């Protein structure tokens, strides 16, 4: 019951911060809640068509309606210009720690910021940014992406 109370409150708080959030499927009994046997992103894809929310943040009322409909949904935050967020996904299984060390050796350590653990044993490092994004590379890699929040029950 605690998770059911915590998730909608977190989604609302993120919207109030100016972030675009969407409800994301979760895992149930080893399968994605979408019910597809061949799901390409189990427990990590939105319940809704999220493309329009890349440029338009949902309202608090819309978010509340989503979590009434899917009370066990995870929370996905859309990155990029709509939320003014860049999230580094540091995945040690794919060399993420080494890549971060290389970045920090070249550019210096990143400023203190919010970090969260991921289901795969890595971490997300969250950065607030302004418009326009500092480089076209960052803009390109952040559009059409989302990050699952720490409150969510996310698979590896």
C-alpha atoms as a PDB file:
ATOM      1  CA  UNK A   1       0.000   0.000   0.000  1.00  0.00           C
ATOM      2  CA  UNK A   2       2.877   2.377   0.771  1.00  0.00           C
ATOM      3  CA  UNK A   3       4.110   2.252  -2.859  1.00  0.00           C
ATOM      4  CA  UNK A   4       0.613   3.059  -4.173  1.00  0.00           C
ATOM      5  CA  UNK A   5       0.539   6.216  -2.061  1.00  0.00           C
ATOM      6  CA  UNK A   6       4.130   7.224  -2.803  1.00  0.00           C
ATOM      7  CA  UNK A   7       4.125   6.920  -6.609  1.00  0.00           C
ATOM      8  CA  UNK A   8       1.214   9.290  -7.462  1.00  0.00           C
ATOM      9  CA  UNK A   9       2.564  11.857  -4.999  1.00  0.00           C
ATOM     10  CA  UNK A  10       6.010  11.653  -6.616  1.00  0.00           C
ATOM     11  CA  UNK A  11       4.523  12.039 -10.109  1.00  0.00           C
ATOM     12  CA  UNK A  12       2.603  15.127  -8.997  1.00  0.00           C
ATOM     13  CA  UNK A  13       5.687  16.621  -7.334  1.00  0.00           C
ATOM     14  CA  UNK A  14       7.712  16.149 -10.523  1.00  0.00           C
ATOM     15  CA  UNK A  15       5.037  17.907 -12.584  1.00  0.00           C
ATOM     16  CA  UNK A  16       5.070  20.755 -10.082  1.00  0.00           C
ATOM     17  CA  UNK A  17       8.854  20.996 -10.641  1.00  0.00           C
ATOM     18  CA  UNK A  18       8.111  21.527 -14.335  1.00  0.00           C
ATOM     19  CA  UNK A  19       9.023  18.014 -15.481  1.00  0.00           C
ATOM     20  CA  UNK A  20       7.038  16.064 -18.069  1.00  0.00           C
ATOM     21  CA  UNK A  21       6.044  12.716 -16.569  1.00  0.00           C
ATOM     22  CA  UNK A  22       4.265   9.697 -18.014  1.00  0.00           C
ATOM     23  CA  UNK A  23       2.957   6.491 -16.428  1.00  0.00           C
ATOM     24  CA  UNK A  24       5.229   3.557 -17.232  1.00  0.00           C
ATOM     25  CA  UNK A  25       4.429  -0.158 -17.255  1.00  0.00           C
ATOM     26  CA  UNK A  26       5.843  -2.331 -14.491  1.00  0.00           C
ATOM     27  CA  UNK A  27       6.799  -5.959 -14.104  1.00  0.00           C
ATOM     28  CA  UNK A  28       4.226  -8.432 -12.780  1.00  0.00           C
ATOM     29  CA  UNK A  29       5.275 -12.005 -12.126  1.00  0.00           C
ATOM     30  CA  UNK A  30       8.269 -11.746 -14.442  1.00  0.00           C
ATOM     31  CA  UNK A  31       6.296 -10.208 -17.330  1.00  0.00           C
ATOM     32  CA  UNK A  32       5.567  -6.663 -18.423  1.00  0.00           C
ATOM     33  CA  UNK A  33       2.172  -5.292 -17.386  1.00  0.00           C
ATOM     34  CA  UNK A  34       1.471  -4.493 -21.071  1.00  0.00           C
ATOM     35  CA  UNK A  35       0.743  -8.211 -21.548  1.00  0.00           C
ATOM     36  CA  UNK A  36       2.775  -8.649 -24.743  1.00  0.00           C
ATOM     37  CA  UNK A  37       4.841 -11.853 -24.765  1.00  0.00           C
ATOM     38  CA  UNK A  38       7.415 -10.193 -27.010  1.00  0.00           C
ATOM     39  CA  UNK A  39       7.652  -6.855 -25.186  1.00  0.00           C
ATOM     40  CA  UNK A  40      10.875  -5.119 -26.272  1.00  0.00           C
ATOM     41  CA  UNK A  41      11.205  -3.031 -23.075  1.00  0.00           C
ATOM     42  CA  UNK A  42       9.591  -4.955 -20.202  1.00  0.00           C
ATOM     43  CA  UNK A  43       8.612  -2.643 -17.366  1.00  0.00           C
ATOM     44  CA  UNK A  44      10.221   0.359 -19.029  1.00  0.00           C
ATOM     45  CA  UNK A  45       7.747   1.788 -21.574  1.00  0.00           C
ATOM     46  CA  UNK A  46       4.848   4.223 -21.162  1.00  0.00           C
ATOM     47  CA  UNK A  47       1.174   3.369 -20.851  1.00  0.00           C
ATOM     48  CA  UNK A  48       0.399   6.410 -23.029  1.00  0.00           C
ATOM     49  CA  UNK A  49       1.605   7.735 -26.368  1.00  0.00           C
ATOM     50  CA  UNK A  50       4.233  10.017 -24.977  1.00  0.00           C
ATOM     51  CA  UNK A  51       5.459  11.798 -28.103  1.00  0.00           C
ATOM     52  CA  UNK A  52       3.223  14.828 -27.565  1.00  0.00           C
ATOM     53  CA  UNK A  53       4.612  15.222 -24.056  1.00  0.00           C
ATOM     54  CA  UNK A  54       8.077  15.859 -25.503  1.00  0.00           C
ATOM     55  CA  UNK A  55       6.934  19.424 -26.098  1.00  0.00           C
ATOM     56  CA  UNK A  56       3.920  19.777 -23.802  1.00  0.00           C
ATOM     57  CA  UNK A  57       4.065  18.918 -20.114  1.00  0.00           C
ATOM     58  CA  UNK A  58       0.998  17.112 -18.768  1.00  0.00           C
ATOM     59  CA  UNK A  59      -1.112  18.943 -16.229  1.00  0.00           C
ATOM     60  CA  UNK A  60      -1.433  17.929 -12.602  1.00  0.00           C
ATOM     61  CA  UNK A  61      -5.027  16.860 -13.377  1.00  0.00           C
ATOM     62  CA  UNK A  62      -3.880  14.674 -16.297  1.00  0.00           C
ATOM     63  CA  UNK A  63      -1.222  13.025 -14.114  1.00  0.00           C
ATOM     64  CA  UNK A  64      -3.769  12.386 -11.342  1.00  0.00           C
ATOM     65  CA  UNK A  65      -6.136  10.780 -13.881  1.00  0.00           C
ATOM     66  CA  UNK A  66      -3.355   8.520 -15.171  1.00  0.00           C
ATOM     67  CA  UNK A  67      -2.512   7.230 -11.702  1.00  0.00           C
ATOM     68  CA  UNK A  68      -6.188   6.661 -10.901  1.00  0.00           C
ATOM     69  CA  UNK A  69      -6.343   4.515 -14.043  1.00  0.00           C
ATOM     70  CA  UNK A  70      -2.971   2.758 -13.457  1.00  0.00           C
ATOM     71  CA  UNK A  71      -2.290   3.071  -9.702  1.00  0.00           C
ATOM     72  CA  UNK A  72       0.710   0.723  -9.832  1.00  0.00           C
ATOM     73  CA  UNK A  73       2.419   2.461 -12.773  1.00  0.00           C
ATOM     74  CA  UNK A  74       6.035   3.480 -12.531  1.00  0.00           C
ATOM     75  CA  UNK A  75       6.983   7.112 -13.167  1.00  0.00           C
ATOM     76  CA  UNK A  76       8.906   8.083 -16.286  1.00  0.00           C
ATOM     77  CA  UNK A  77      10.350  11.578 -16.629  1.00  0.00           C
ATOM     78  CA  UNK A  78      10.893  12.799 -20.179  1.00  0.00           C
ATOM     79  CA  UNK A  79      14.320  14.326 -20.590  1.00  0.00           C
ATOM     80  CA  UNK A  80      15.376  17.074 -22.921  1.00  0.00           C
ATOM     81  CA  UNK A  81      14.002  20.558 -23.476  1.00  0.00           C
ATOM     82  CA  UNK A  82      10.463  19.847 -22.222  1.00  0.00           C
ATOM     83  CA  UNK A  83      11.715  19.117 -18.690  1.00  0.00           C
ATOM     84  CA  UNK A  84      15.019  20.994 -18.959  1.00  0.00           C
ATOM     85  CA  UNK A  85      16.767  17.810 -17.820  1.00  0.00           C
ATOM     86  CA  UNK A  86      19.766  15.794 -18.874  1.00  0.00           C
ATOM     87  CA  UNK A  87      20.075  12.391 -17.207  1.00  0.00           C
ATOM     88  CA  UNK A  88      23.298  10.415 -17.509  1.00  0.00           C
ATOM     89  CA  UNK A  89      22.628   6.679 -17.386  1.00  0.00           C
ATOM     90  CA  UNK A  90      25.745   5.124 -15.887  1.00  0.00           C
ATOM     91  CA  UNK A  91      25.428   1.400 -16.626  1.00  0.00           C
ATOM     92  CA  UNK A  92      28.425  -0.568 -15.291  1.00  0.00           C
ATOM     93  CA  UNK A  93      27.422  -3.629 -17.345  1.00  0.00           C
ATOM     94  CA  UNK A  94      28.163  -1.628 -20.500  1.00  0.00           C
ATOM     95  CA  UNK A  95      31.265   0.269 -19.414  1.00  0.00           C
ATOM     96  CA  UNK A  96      29.423   3.219 -17.875  1.00  0.00           C
ATOM     97  CA  UNK A  97      31.776   3.650 -14.909  1.00  0.00           C
ATOM     98  CA  UNK A  98      34.817   3.707 -17.195  1.00  0.00           C
ATOM     99  CA  UNK A  99      33.083   6.172 -19.530  1.00  0.00           C
ATOM    100  CA  UNK A 100      32.217   8.488 -16.641  1.00  0.00           C
ATOM    101  CA  UNK A 101      35.813   8.347 -15.381  1.00  0.00           C
ATOM    102  CA  UNK A 102      37.059   9.271 -18.868  1.00  0.00           C
ATOM    103  CA  UNK A 103      34.647  12.210 -19.033  1.00  0.00           C
ATOM    104  CA  UNK A 104      35.688  13.412 -15.581  1.00  0.00           C
ATOM    105  CA  UNK A 105      39.396  13.042 -16.396  1.00  0.00           C
ATOM    106  CA  UNK A 106      38.925  15.261 -19.438  1.00  0.00           C
ATOM    107  CA  UNK A 107      36.349  17.769 -18.145  1.00  0.00           C
ATOM    108  CA  UNK A 108      36.544  17.457 -14.349  1.00  0.00           C
ATOM    109  CA  UNK A 109      34.079  15.987 -11.872  1.00  0.00           C
ATOM    110  CA  UNK A 110      30.448  16.948 -12.307  1.00  0.00           C
ATOM    111  CA  UNK A 111      28.817  19.282  -9.844  1.00  0.00           C
ATOM    112  CA  UNK A 112      26.918  17.704  -6.946  1.00  0.00           C
ATOM    113  CA  UNK A 113      23.427  16.773  -8.105  1.00  0.00           C
ATOM    114  CA  UNK A 114      20.642  14.261  -7.610  1.00  0.00           C
ATOM    115  CA  UNK A 115      21.530  10.634  -8.290  1.00  0.00           C
ATOM    116  CA  UNK A 116      19.362   7.524  -8.202  1.00  0.00           C
ATOM    117  CA  UNK A 117      20.060   3.803  -8.439  1.00  0.00           C
ATOM    118  CA  UNK A 118      18.817   1.886 -11.469  1.00  0.00           C
ATOM    119  CA  UNK A 119      17.371  -1.601 -11.647  1.00  0.00           C
ATOM    120  CA  UNK A 120      20.483  -2.841 -13.434  1.00  0.00           C
ATOM    121  CA  UNK A 121      22.904  -1.855 -10.668  1.00  0.00           C
ATOM    122  CA  UNK A 122      23.884   1.452 -12.229  1.00  0.00           C
ATOM    123  CA  UNK A 123      22.780   4.972 -11.527  1.00  0.00           C
ATOM    124  CA  UNK A 124      21.121   7.978 -13.076  1.00  0.00           C
ATOM    125  CA  UNK A 125      22.801  11.341 -12.596  1.00  0.00           C
ATOM    126  CA  UNK A 126      20.248  14.152 -13.024  1.00  0.00           C
ATOM    127  CA  UNK A 127      21.149  17.632 -14.291  1.00  0.00           C
ATOM    128  CA  UNK A 128      18.893  20.644 -14.706  1.00  0.00           C
ATOM    129  CA  UNK A 129      19.753  22.680 -17.783  1.00  0.00           C
ATOM    130  CA  UNK A 130      18.421  25.698 -19.589  1.00  0.00           C
ATOM    131  CA  UNK A 131      17.207  26.373 -23.106  1.00  0.00           C
ATOM    132  CA  UNK A 132      18.767  26.017 -25.540  1.00  0.00           C
ATOM    133  CA  UNK A 133      20.775  22.950 -24.677  1.00  0.00           C
ATOM    134  CA  UNK A 134      24.524  23.572 -24.541  1.00  0.00           C
ATOM    135  CA  UNK A 135      25.340  21.388 -27.553  1.00  0.00           C
ATOM    136  CA  UNK A 136      23.469  19.722 -30.385  1.00  0.00           C
ATOM    137  CA  UNK A 137      24.816  16.342 -29.236  1.00  0.00           C
ATOM    138  CA  UNK A 138      23.178  16.675 -25.822  1.00  0.00           C
ATOM    139  CA  UNK A 139      19.954  17.870 -27.416  1.00  0.00           C
ATOM    140  CA  UNK A 140      19.902  14.934 -29.817  1.00  0.00           C
ATOM    141  CA  UNK A 141      20.589  12.337 -27.143  1.00  0.00           C
ATOM    142  CA  UNK A 142      18.028  13.706 -24.705  1.00  0.00           C
ATOM    143  CA  UNK A 143      15.031  14.130 -26.976  1.00  0.00           C
ATOM    144  CA  UNK A 144      12.738  11.119 -27.142  1.00  0.00           C
ATOM    145  CA  UNK A 145      14.207   9.673 -23.953  1.00  0.00           C
ATOM    146  CA  UNK A 146      12.905   9.089 -20.485  1.00  0.00           C
ATOM    147  CA  UNK A 147      14.304   8.101 -17.122  1.00  0.00           C
ATOM    148  CA  UNK A 148      12.469   5.919 -14.621  1.00  0.00           C
ATOM    149  CA  UNK A 149      12.402   7.560 -11.189  1.00  0.00           C
ATOM    150  CA  UNK A 150      13.787   6.182  -7.950  1.00  0.00           C
ATOM    151  CA  UNK A 151      10.331   5.489  -6.490  1.00  0.00           C
ATOM    152  CA  UNK A 152       9.528   3.067  -9.298  1.00  0.00           C
ATOM    153  CA  UNK A 153       9.947  -0.694  -9.263  1.00  0.00           C
ATOM    154  CA  UNK A 154      12.133  -1.117 -12.316  1.00  0.00           C
ATOM    155  CA  UNK A 155      13.751  -4.236 -13.762  1.00  0.00           C
ATOM    156  CA  UNK A 156      17.417  -4.493 -14.680  1.00  0.00           C
END
